[in-house]
Amino acid sequence: MTFAVSPFVPLALGFFGLGTGYLIYGPQELFGWPKRDGLVDAATGIWGIWLPGFCQFVTGIVLFVGLTWFQVFKEPPLYMAALAFTAYGIHWFAIGFNRFRQHDPRPNAGMAVAYFIISVLGVCVFFTASDWPVGLLFIGLALIYLADFFASIGVRLGERALGLFHIVTGLWLMYLMIATVYNLALGAHLPL
């Protein structure tokens, strides 16, 4: 059985979910608003699980299945996208749950190293594939995990830098979501 190649790659869902998560977490890290307490941690934890976690995980799984089982997606850089969306989605399940339960953030230092590496891999893949808008996204992701390492080990400036990179990268993700939808739904040609 052969399926037709689909132009409808589900990237917008992953961009939207991650961007929303960053725009929720960023102001708290950069500005201290809202001030963290048990109720705020529970709320941001739930958002972390469902928006960046679930949306990215679904996007990554659909990409992997579309690339491997059904072969409806053909562009090789989508393999990197599938890896990233799936890995980042799973990581947000843990980030959100740990925030919800107010667990110690220090183990995030090791996570930040691994996700910095996958982010740098994304920079290399997407710039090599001449996809500079997504390459820029991975630069933002690499900066997030660099800052997250320092935030995890208790460096106050690391948390503020993490908030700044979350907000800037979250806004870029909103652009990528809009460009993806306009390009697929309306035949526009926004850089993507």
N, C-alpha and C. Protein backbone atom coordinates (compact mmCIF):
# COMPACT_ATOMS: atom_id res chain seq x y z
N MET A 1 0.85 -1.17 0.00
CA MET A 1 0.00 0.00 0.00
C MET A 1 0.90 1.24 0.00
N THR A 2 0.61 2.16 -0.89
CA THR A 2 1.39 3.38 -1.00
C THR A 2 0.49 4.58 -0.74
N PHE A 3 1.01 5.53 0.01
CA PHE A 3 0.27 6.74 0.32
C PHE A 3 0.90 7.92 -0.41
N ALA A 4 0.08 8.89 -0.73
CA ALA A 4 0.57 10.09 -1.40
C ALA A 4 1.37 10.94 -0.41
N VAL A 5 2.36 11.64 -0.93
CA VAL A 5 3.13 12.57 -0.10
C VAL A 5 2.20 13.69 0.33
N SER A 6 2.27 14.05 1.59
CA SER A 6 1.41 15.10 2.13
C SER A 6 2.20 16.37 2.40
N PRO A 7 1.67 17.50 1.96
CA PRO A 7 2.33 18.76 2.30
C PRO A 7 1.97 19.22 3.72
N PHE A 8 1.02 18.54 4.34
CA PHE A 8 0.49 18.99 5.63
C PHE A 8 1.27 18.38 6.80
N VAL A 9 2.51 18.79 6.90
CA VAL A 9 3.37 18.37 8.00
C VAL A 9 2.88 19.09 9.26
N PRO A 10 2.72 18.38 10.38
CA PRO A 10 2.09 18.97 11.56
C PRO A 10 2.99 19.87 12.41
N LEU A 11 3.87 20.63 11.77
CA LEU A 11 4.82 21.45 12.52
C LEU A 11 4.15 22.55 13.34
N ALA A 12 3.07 23.12 12.83
CA ALA A 12 2.43 24.25 13.52
C ALA A 12 2.00 23.86 14.93
N LEU A 13 1.51 22.65 15.12
CA LEU A 13 1.08 22.21 16.44
C LEU A 13 2.26 22.20 17.42
N GLY A 14 3.39 21.67 16.99
CA GLY A 14 4.57 21.64 17.85
C GLY A 14 5.11 23.02 18.14
N PHE A 15 5.15 23.89 17.11
CA PHE A 15 5.61 25.26 17.33
C PHE A 15 4.70 25.98 18.32
N PHE A 16 3.39 25.82 18.15
CA PHE A 16 2.44 26.49 19.03
C PHE A 16 2.58 26.01 20.47
N GLY A 17 2.63 24.71 20.65
CA GLY A 17 2.72 24.17 22.01
C GLY A 17 3.97 24.63 22.73
N LEU A 18 5.11 24.52 22.08
CA LEU A 18 6.36 24.93 22.72
C LEU A 18 6.38 26.43 22.97
N GLY A 19 5.95 27.20 21.98
CA GLY A 19 5.92 28.66 22.14
C GLY A 19 5.04 29.09 23.30
N THR A 20 3.89 28.45 23.44
CA THR A 20 2.99 28.77 24.56
C THR A 20 3.66 28.45 25.89
N GLY A 21 4.31 27.31 25.98
CA GLY A 21 5.01 26.96 27.21
C GLY A 21 6.07 27.98 27.57
N TYR A 22 6.84 28.41 26.57
CA TYR A 22 7.87 29.41 26.82
C TYR A 22 7.29 30.74 27.25
N LEU A 23 6.16 31.11 26.67
CA LEU A 23 5.53 32.38 27.04
C LEU A 23 4.86 32.31 28.41
N ILE A 24 4.59 31.12 28.90
CA ILE A 24 4.07 30.95 30.26
C ILE A 24 5.21 30.97 31.27
N TYR A 25 6.28 30.24 31.00
CA TYR A 25 7.39 30.13 31.95
C TYR A 25 8.30 31.37 31.95
N GLY A 26 8.49 31.98 30.78
CA GLY A 26 9.44 33.08 30.64
C GLY A 26 9.23 34.26 31.56
N PRO A 27 8.00 34.83 31.63
CA PRO A 27 7.81 36.00 32.49
C PRO A 27 8.11 35.72 33.97
N GLN A 28 7.83 34.51 34.40
CA GLN A 28 8.11 34.15 35.79
C GLN A 28 9.61 34.13 36.04
N GLU A 29 10.35 33.59 35.10
CA GLU A 29 11.80 33.50 35.26
C GLU A 29 12.49 34.85 35.11
N LEU A 30 12.01 35.67 34.18
CA LEU A 30 12.66 36.96 33.93
C LEU A 30 12.22 38.03 34.91
N PHE A 31 10.93 38.11 35.16
CA PHE A 31 10.38 39.20 35.98
C PHE A 31 9.92 38.78 37.36
N GLY A 32 9.90 37.48 37.64
CA GLY A 32 9.40 37.00 38.92
C GLY A 32 7.89 37.12 39.04
N TRP A 33 7.20 37.14 37.87
CA TRP A 33 5.74 37.26 37.88
C TRP A 33 5.11 36.12 37.10
N PRO A 34 4.15 35.46 37.63
CA PRO A 34 3.68 35.59 39.01
C PRO A 34 4.68 34.95 39.98
N LYS A 35 4.67 35.45 41.19
CA LYS A 35 5.57 34.92 42.21
C LYS A 35 5.26 33.45 42.43
N ARG A 36 6.32 32.64 42.50
CA ARG A 36 6.12 31.20 42.65
C ARG A 36 5.62 30.85 44.03
N ASP A 37 4.62 29.99 44.06
CA ASP A 37 4.12 29.35 45.27
C ASP A 37 3.49 28.03 44.82
N GLY A 38 2.89 27.31 45.74
CA GLY A 38 2.35 26.00 45.40
C GLY A 38 1.28 26.04 44.32
N LEU A 39 0.39 27.03 44.38
CA LEU A 39 -0.67 27.12 43.39
C LEU A 39 -0.15 27.52 42.02
N VAL A 40 0.79 28.46 41.98
CA VAL A 40 1.37 28.88 40.70
C VAL A 40 2.19 27.74 40.11
N ASP A 41 2.96 27.03 40.93
CA ASP A 41 3.72 25.89 40.42
C ASP A 41 2.80 24.80 39.88
N ALA A 42 1.68 24.57 40.53
CA ALA A 42 0.72 23.58 40.04
C ALA A 42 0.17 24.01 38.68
N ALA A 43 -0.18 25.27 38.56
CA ALA A 43 -0.74 25.76 37.29
C ALA A 43 0.29 25.72 36.16
N THR A 44 1.50 26.21 36.42
CA THR A 44 2.51 26.19 35.36
C THR A 44 2.94 24.76 35.04
N GLY A 45 2.91 23.89 36.04
CA GLY A 45 3.23 22.48 35.79
C GLY A 45 2.22 21.83 34.86
N ILE A 46 0.95 22.06 35.09
CA ILE A 46 -0.09 21.51 34.21
C ILE A 46 0.05 22.05 32.79
N TRP A 47 0.26 23.38 32.68
CA TRP A 47 0.47 23.96 31.35
C TRP A 47 1.69 23.33 30.68
N GLY A 48 2.77 23.12 31.43
CA GLY A 48 3.98 22.54 30.87
C GLY A 48 3.77 21.14 30.33
N ILE A 49 2.99 20.35 31.04
CA ILE A 49 2.70 18.98 30.59
C ILE A 49 1.88 19.01 29.30
N TRP A 50 0.81 19.81 29.29
CA TRP A 50 -0.14 19.73 28.19
C TRP A 50 0.23 20.53 26.96
N LEU A 51 0.73 21.76 27.11
CA LEU A 51 1.01 22.53 25.88
C LEU A 51 2.35 22.14 25.28
N PRO A 52 3.48 22.49 25.86
CA PRO A 52 4.72 22.09 25.21
C PRO A 52 4.92 20.57 25.23
N GLY A 53 4.48 19.90 26.28
CA GLY A 53 4.69 18.46 26.37
C GLY A 53 3.88 17.69 25.35
N PHE A 54 2.57 17.76 25.48
CA PHE A 54 1.70 16.95 24.65
C PHE A 54 1.74 17.37 23.18
N CYS A 55 1.69 18.68 22.91
CA CYS A 55 1.69 19.14 21.51
C CYS A 55 2.96 18.72 20.78
N GLN A 56 4.10 18.83 21.43
CA GLN A 56 5.35 18.43 20.76
C GLN A 56 5.44 16.92 20.61
N PHE A 57 5.03 16.20 21.64
CA PHE A 57 5.09 14.74 21.57
C PHE A 57 4.23 14.22 20.42
N VAL A 58 3.02 14.72 20.31
CA VAL A 58 2.13 14.30 19.22
C VAL A 58 2.76 14.65 17.87
N THR A 59 3.28 15.87 17.75
CA THR A 59 3.91 16.29 16.50
C THR A 59 5.07 15.35 16.14
N GLY A 60 5.93 15.05 17.11
CA GLY A 60 7.08 14.18 16.86
C GLY A 60 6.67 12.79 16.45
N ILE A 61 5.68 12.22 17.12
CA ILE A 61 5.23 10.87 16.78
C ILE A 61 4.61 10.84 15.39
N VAL A 62 3.77 11.83 15.07
CA VAL A 62 3.17 11.88 13.73
C VAL A 62 4.27 12.01 12.67
N LEU A 63 5.29 12.83 12.93
CA LEU A 63 6.39 12.96 11.98
C LEU A 63 7.13 11.64 11.80
N PHE A 64 7.48 10.97 12.91
CA PHE A 64 8.18 9.69 12.80
C PHE A 64 7.35 8.66 12.04
N VAL A 65 6.06 8.57 12.36
CA VAL A 65 5.20 7.60 11.68
C VAL A 65 5.05 7.97 10.20
N GLY A 66 4.88 9.27 9.93
CA GLY A 66 4.75 9.71 8.54
C GLY A 66 6.01 9.50 7.73
N LEU A 67 7.18 9.63 8.38
CA LEU A 67 8.45 9.43 7.70
C LEU A 67 8.78 7.95 7.49
N THR A 68 8.45 7.12 8.47
CA THR A 68 8.93 5.73 8.45
C THR A 68 7.87 4.72 8.02
N TRP A 69 6.72 4.74 8.62
CA TRP A 69 5.71 3.72 8.33
C TRP A 69 4.95 4.01 7.04
N PHE A 70 4.49 5.27 6.92
CA PHE A 70 3.62 5.60 5.79
C PHE A 70 4.34 6.38 4.68
N GLN A 71 5.49 6.93 5.00
CA GLN A 71 6.32 7.68 4.05
C GLN A 71 5.53 8.76 3.31
N VAL A 72 4.71 9.47 4.06
CA VAL A 72 3.94 10.59 3.49
C VAL A 72 4.70 11.90 3.61
N PHE A 73 5.77 11.91 4.40
CA PHE A 73 6.66 13.07 4.51
C PHE A 73 8.01 12.63 3.95
N LYS A 74 8.61 13.44 3.11
CA LYS A 74 9.80 13.00 2.39
C LYS A 74 11.04 13.84 2.65
N GLU A 75 10.91 15.01 3.23
CA GLU A 75 12.06 15.90 3.38
C GLU A 75 12.96 15.40 4.51
N PRO A 76 14.23 15.04 4.21
CA PRO A 76 15.12 14.48 5.23
C PRO A 76 15.28 15.32 6.50
N PRO A 77 15.30 16.67 6.45
CA PRO A 77 15.42 17.43 7.72
C PRO A 77 14.25 17.20 8.68
N LEU A 78 13.14 16.66 8.16
CA LEU A 78 12.02 16.37 9.05
C LEU A 78 12.38 15.27 10.06
N TYR A 79 13.40 14.46 9.76
CA TYR A 79 13.85 13.47 10.74
C TYR A 79 14.38 14.17 11.99
N MET A 80 15.15 15.24 11.79
CA MET A 80 15.64 16.03 12.93
C MET A 80 14.47 16.66 13.66
N ALA A 81 13.49 17.16 12.93
CA ALA A 81 12.30 17.75 13.55
C ALA A 81 11.56 16.70 14.38
N ALA A 82 11.42 15.49 13.84
CA ALA A 82 10.74 14.42 14.57
C ALA A 82 11.48 14.08 15.86
N LEU A 83 12.79 13.96 15.76
CA LEU A 83 13.60 13.69 16.95
C LEU A 83 13.43 14.79 17.98
N ALA A 84 13.55 16.04 17.54
CA ALA A 84 13.47 17.16 18.47
C ALA A 84 12.10 17.28 19.10
N PHE A 85 11.04 17.26 18.30
CA PHE A 85 9.69 17.40 18.87
C PHE A 85 9.40 16.29 19.86
N THR A 86 9.77 15.06 19.53
CA THR A 86 9.49 13.95 20.44
C THR A 86 10.30 14.09 21.73
N ALA A 87 11.59 14.34 21.60
CA ALA A 87 12.45 14.45 22.78
C ALA A 87 12.05 15.65 23.65
N TYR A 88 11.80 16.80 23.03
CA TYR A 88 11.41 17.98 23.80
C TYR A 88 10.04 17.77 24.44
N GLY A 89 9.14 17.09 23.75
CA GLY A 89 7.83 16.83 24.34
C GLY A 89 7.93 15.98 25.59
N ILE A 90 8.70 14.90 25.50
CA ILE A 90 8.88 14.03 26.67
C ILE A 90 9.54 14.80 27.81
N HIS A 91 10.51 15.62 27.48
CA HIS A 91 11.20 16.41 28.50
C HIS A 91 10.23 17.37 29.19
N TRP A 92 9.28 17.93 28.42
CA TRP A 92 8.30 18.82 29.05
C TRP A 92 7.33 18.08 29.95
N PHE A 93 7.05 16.81 29.68
CA PHE A 93 6.26 16.03 30.63
C PHE A 93 6.96 16.02 31.99
N ALA A 94 8.27 15.80 31.97
CA ALA A 94 9.04 15.77 33.22
C ALA A 94 9.14 17.17 33.83
N ILE A 95 9.43 18.19 33.02
CA ILE A 95 9.54 19.57 33.53
C ILE A 95 8.23 19.98 34.20
N GLY A 96 7.12 19.75 33.50
CA GLY A 96 5.81 20.14 34.03
C GLY A 96 5.47 19.38 35.30
N PHE A 97 5.70 18.07 35.30
CA PHE A 97 5.39 17.28 36.50
C PHE A 97 6.26 17.71 37.68
N ASN A 98 7.55 17.93 37.42
CA ASN A 98 8.43 18.36 38.51
C ASN A 98 8.02 19.72 39.05
N ARG A 99 7.59 20.62 38.19
CA ARG A 99 7.12 21.93 38.66
C ARG A 99 5.82 21.75 39.45
N PHE A 100 4.91 20.95 38.93
CA PHE A 100 3.62 20.69 39.59
C PHE A 100 3.84 20.17 41.01
N ARG A 101 4.80 19.27 41.15
CA ARG A 101 5.07 18.65 42.45
C ARG A 101 6.11 19.41 43.27
N GLN A 102 6.62 20.51 42.74
CA GLN A 102 7.64 21.34 43.39
C GLN A 102 8.90 20.54 43.74
N HIS A 103 9.34 19.72 42.78
CA HIS A 103 10.56 18.94 42.98
C HIS A 103 11.79 19.81 42.79
N ASP A 104 12.90 19.32 43.29
CA ASP A 104 14.19 20.01 43.22
C ASP A 104 14.62 20.17 41.77
N PRO A 105 14.96 21.39 41.32
CA PRO A 105 15.36 21.60 39.93
C PRO A 105 16.82 21.27 39.62
N ARG A 106 17.63 20.95 40.63
CA ARG A 106 19.05 20.72 40.37
C ARG A 106 19.35 19.60 39.38
N PRO A 107 18.58 18.49 39.37
CA PRO A 107 18.85 17.46 38.35
C PRO A 107 18.67 17.94 36.92
N ASN A 108 18.01 19.08 36.74
CA ASN A 108 17.85 19.63 35.39
C ASN A 108 19.20 20.01 34.76
N ALA A 109 20.24 20.15 35.56
CA ALA A 109 21.55 20.51 35.01
C ALA A 109 22.02 19.46 34.00
N GLY A 110 21.89 18.20 34.35
CA GLY A 110 22.28 17.13 33.42
C GLY A 110 21.39 17.09 32.19
N MET A 111 20.09 17.31 32.40
CA MET A 111 19.16 17.37 31.28
C MET A 111 19.56 18.50 30.34
N ALA A 112 19.94 19.65 30.90
CA ALA A 112 20.28 20.81 30.09
C ALA A 112 21.48 20.52 29.19
N VAL A 113 22.42 19.74 29.66
CA VAL A 113 23.58 19.37 28.83
C VAL A 113 23.11 18.55 27.62
N ALA A 114 22.29 17.55 27.86
CA ALA A 114 21.81 16.70 26.77
C ALA A 114 20.98 17.50 25.76
N TYR A 115 20.12 18.37 26.25
CA TYR A 115 19.26 19.15 25.35
C TYR A 115 20.02 20.28 24.67
N PHE A 116 21.09 20.75 25.26
CA PHE A 116 21.97 21.68 24.57
C PHE A 116 22.59 20.99 23.35
N ILE A 117 23.02 19.74 23.54
CA ILE A 117 23.63 18.98 22.45
C ILE A 117 22.64 18.74 21.32
N ILE A 118 21.41 18.33 21.64
CA ILE A 118 20.42 18.09 20.58
C ILE A 118 20.05 19.41 19.89
N SER A 119 20.09 20.51 20.63
CA SER A 119 19.81 21.82 20.04
C SER A 119 20.90 22.24 19.06
N VAL A 120 22.16 22.01 19.43
CA VAL A 120 23.27 22.31 18.52
C VAL A 120 23.19 21.42 17.28
N LEU A 121 22.80 20.17 17.45
CA LEU A 121 22.59 19.28 16.31
C LEU A 121 21.53 19.87 15.38
N GLY A 122 20.44 20.39 15.95
CA GLY A 122 19.40 21.03 15.14
C GLY A 122 19.91 22.25 14.40
N VAL A 123 20.76 23.05 15.05
CA VAL A 123 21.37 24.21 14.38
C VAL A 123 22.13 23.73 13.14
N CYS A 124 22.97 22.71 13.32
CA CYS A 124 23.78 22.19 12.22
C CYS A 124 22.91 21.65 11.09
N VAL A 125 21.89 20.86 11.43
CA VAL A 125 21.04 20.24 10.40
C VAL A 125 20.27 21.30 9.62
N PHE A 126 19.63 22.24 10.32
CA PHE A 126 18.75 23.16 9.60
C PHE A 126 19.51 24.25 8.85
N PHE A 127 20.65 24.70 9.36
CA PHE A 127 21.43 25.64 8.57
C PHE A 127 22.08 24.94 7.37
N THR A 128 22.50 23.69 7.53
CA THR A 128 23.04 22.93 6.41
C THR A 128 21.96 22.72 5.34
N ALA A 129 20.71 22.53 5.78
CA ALA A 129 19.58 22.34 4.86
C ALA A 129 19.05 23.67 4.33
N SER A 130 19.73 24.78 4.65
CA SER A 130 19.33 26.13 4.21
C SER A 130 17.97 26.54 4.74
N ASP A 131 17.60 26.05 5.90
CA ASP A 131 16.34 26.42 6.55
C ASP A 131 16.68 27.32 7.74
N TRP A 132 17.05 28.58 7.41
CA TRP A 132 17.53 29.49 8.45
C TRP A 132 16.46 29.84 9.49
N PRO A 133 15.15 29.93 9.17
CA PRO A 133 14.20 30.23 10.24
C PRO A 133 14.17 29.16 11.34
N VAL A 134 14.25 27.89 10.94
CA VAL A 134 14.26 26.82 11.95
C VAL A 134 15.65 26.72 12.57
N GLY A 135 16.69 27.02 11.82
CA GLY A 135 18.03 27.10 12.39
C GLY A 135 18.10 28.12 13.51
N LEU A 136 17.47 29.29 13.29
CA LEU A 136 17.40 30.31 14.35
C LEU A 136 16.67 29.79 15.58
N LEU A 137 15.60 29.03 15.36
CA LEU A 137 14.88 28.44 16.48
C LEU A 137 15.83 27.58 17.32
N PHE A 138 16.65 26.77 16.66
CA PHE A 138 17.55 25.90 17.41
C PHE A 138 18.67 26.68 18.10
N ILE A 139 19.04 27.84 17.57
CA ILE A 139 19.97 28.70 18.31
C ILE A 139 19.30 29.15 19.60
N GLY A 140 18.03 29.57 19.51
CA GLY A 140 17.28 29.95 20.71
C GLY A 140 17.20 28.80 21.70
N LEU A 141 16.95 27.60 21.20
CA LEU A 141 16.87 26.43 22.08
C LEU A 141 18.21 26.17 22.76
N ALA A 142 19.31 26.28 22.00
CA ALA A 142 20.63 26.07 22.60
C ALA A 142 20.89 27.09 23.70
N LEU A 143 20.51 28.34 23.48
CA LEU A 143 20.68 29.37 24.51
C LEU A 143 19.82 29.08 25.73
N ILE A 144 18.61 28.57 25.50
CA ILE A 144 17.73 28.20 26.62
C ILE A 144 18.41 27.14 27.49
N TYR A 145 18.97 26.11 26.88
CA TYR A 145 19.55 25.04 27.69
C TYR A 145 20.88 25.43 28.30
N LEU A 146 21.59 26.33 27.67
CA LEU A 146 22.79 26.88 28.30
C LEU A 146 22.40 27.64 29.57
N ALA A 147 21.40 28.50 29.45
CA ALA A 147 20.92 29.26 30.62
C ALA A 147 20.31 28.32 31.66
N ASP A 148 19.59 27.29 31.19
CA ASP A 148 18.94 26.36 32.12
C ASP A 148 19.98 25.62 32.96
N PHE A 149 21.13 25.32 32.39
CA PHE A 149 22.19 24.68 33.16
C PHE A 149 22.56 25.54 34.36
N PHE A 150 22.79 26.83 34.10
CA PHE A 150 23.19 27.72 35.19
C PHE A 150 22.05 27.98 36.17
N ALA A 151 20.82 28.07 35.66
CA ALA A 151 19.67 28.23 36.56
C ALA A 151 19.53 27.01 37.46
N SER A 152 19.77 25.82 36.91
CA SER A 152 19.62 24.58 37.68
C SER A 152 20.62 24.45 38.81
N ILE A 153 21.80 25.03 38.62
CA ILE A 153 22.81 24.93 39.69
C ILE A 153 22.75 26.13 40.63
N GLY A 154 21.71 26.97 40.47
CA GLY A 154 21.45 28.04 41.43
C GLY A 154 22.01 29.41 41.09
N VAL A 155 22.47 29.62 39.87
CA VAL A 155 22.97 30.93 39.47
C VAL A 155 21.77 31.81 39.11
N ARG A 156 21.53 32.86 39.89
CA ARG A 156 20.34 33.71 39.70
C ARG A 156 20.29 34.32 38.31
N LEU A 157 21.42 34.77 37.78
CA LEU A 157 21.45 35.34 36.44
C LEU A 157 21.05 34.29 35.40
N GLY A 158 21.33 33.03 35.67
CA GLY A 158 20.93 31.96 34.76
C GLY A 158 19.43 31.87 34.62
N GLU A 159 18.71 32.04 35.73
CA GLU A 159 17.25 32.00 35.67
C GLU A 159 16.70 33.18 34.90
N ARG A 160 17.26 34.35 35.10
CA ARG A 160 16.79 35.52 34.36
C ARG A 160 17.10 35.39 32.86
N ALA A 161 18.29 34.89 32.54
CA ALA A 161 18.63 34.65 31.13
C ALA A 161 17.70 33.60 30.53
N LEU A 162 17.38 32.57 31.31
CA LEU A 162 16.45 31.55 30.86
C LEU A 162 15.10 32.18 30.52
N GLY A 163 14.62 33.07 31.37
CA GLY A 163 13.35 33.74 31.10
C GLY A 163 13.40 34.58 29.84
N LEU A 164 14.49 35.32 29.65
CA LEU A 164 14.63 36.14 28.45
C LEU A 164 14.65 35.25 27.20
N PHE A 165 15.45 34.18 27.21
CA PHE A 165 15.51 33.30 26.05
C PHE A 165 14.20 32.57 25.82
N HIS A 166 13.47 32.24 26.91
CA HIS A 166 12.15 31.63 26.75
C HIS A 166 11.20 32.58 26.02
N ILE A 167 11.18 33.84 26.44
CA ILE A 167 10.26 34.81 25.83
C ILE A 167 10.62 35.06 24.37
N VAL A 168 11.89 35.34 24.09
CA VAL A 168 12.30 35.64 22.71
C VAL A 168 12.06 34.42 21.81
N THR A 169 12.45 33.24 22.25
CA THR A 169 12.26 32.03 21.46
C THR A 169 10.77 31.70 21.34
N GLY A 170 10.00 31.95 22.39
CA GLY A 170 8.55 31.73 22.34
C GLY A 170 7.88 32.60 21.29
N LEU A 171 8.31 33.86 21.19
CA LEU A 171 7.77 34.75 20.16
C LEU A 171 8.18 34.28 18.76
N TRP A 172 9.43 33.82 18.61
CA TRP A 172 9.87 33.29 17.31
C TRP A 172 9.06 32.05 16.93
N LEU A 173 8.75 31.20 17.92
CA LEU A 173 7.91 30.03 17.67
C LEU A 173 6.51 30.43 17.21
N MET A 174 5.98 31.52 17.75
CA MET A 174 4.67 31.99 17.29
C MET A 174 4.75 32.43 15.83
N TYR A 175 5.86 33.09 15.44
CA TYR A 175 6.04 33.44 14.03
C TYR A 175 6.08 32.16 13.18
N LEU A 176 6.86 31.15 13.61
CA LEU A 176 6.98 29.92 12.84
C LEU A 176 5.62 29.23 12.70
N MET A 177 4.81 29.26 13.75
CA MET A 177 3.47 28.68 13.69
C MET A 177 2.62 29.43 12.67
N ILE A 178 2.65 30.76 12.73
CA ILE A 178 1.87 31.57 11.79
C ILE A 178 2.34 31.33 10.35
N ALA A 179 3.65 31.34 10.14
CA ALA A 179 4.19 31.12 8.78
C ALA A 179 3.79 29.75 8.25
N THR A 180 3.86 28.74 9.10
CA THR A 180 3.49 27.39 8.68
C THR A 180 2.03 27.34 8.25
N VAL A 181 1.16 27.90 9.05
CA VAL A 181 -0.28 27.88 8.73
C VAL A 181 -0.57 28.70 7.47
N TYR A 182 -0.03 29.91 7.39
CA TYR A 182 -0.25 30.73 6.19
C TYR A 182 0.27 30.04 4.94
N ASN A 183 1.44 29.44 5.03
CA ASN A 183 2.02 28.79 3.85
C ASN A 183 1.20 27.58 3.42
N LEU A 184 0.77 26.76 4.38
CA LEU A 184 0.02 25.55 4.03
C LEU A 184 -1.44 25.85 3.71
N ALA A 185 -2.08 26.70 4.49
CA ALA A 185 -3.52 26.93 4.33
C ALA A 185 -3.84 27.96 3.25
N LEU A 186 -2.95 28.91 3.03
CA LEU A 186 -3.25 30.00 2.11
C LEU A 186 -2.31 30.09 0.92
N GLY A 187 -1.33 29.21 0.87
CA GLY A 187 -0.38 29.24 -0.23
C GLY A 187 0.58 30.42 -0.17
N ALA A 188 0.76 30.99 1.00
CA ALA A 188 1.70 32.11 1.18
C ALA A 188 3.13 31.59 1.06
N HIS A 189 4.06 32.50 1.08
CA HIS A 189 5.47 32.12 0.95
C HIS A 189 6.31 32.82 2.02
N LEU A 190 5.85 32.74 3.27
CA LEU A 190 6.62 33.33 4.36
C LEU A 190 7.84 32.46 4.61
N PRO A 191 8.96 33.07 4.98
CA PRO A 191 10.17 32.26 5.26
C PRO A 191 9.91 31.23 6.35
N LEU A 192 10.26 30.00 6.04
CA LEU A 192 10.07 28.91 7.00
C LEU A 192 11.07 27.80 6.71
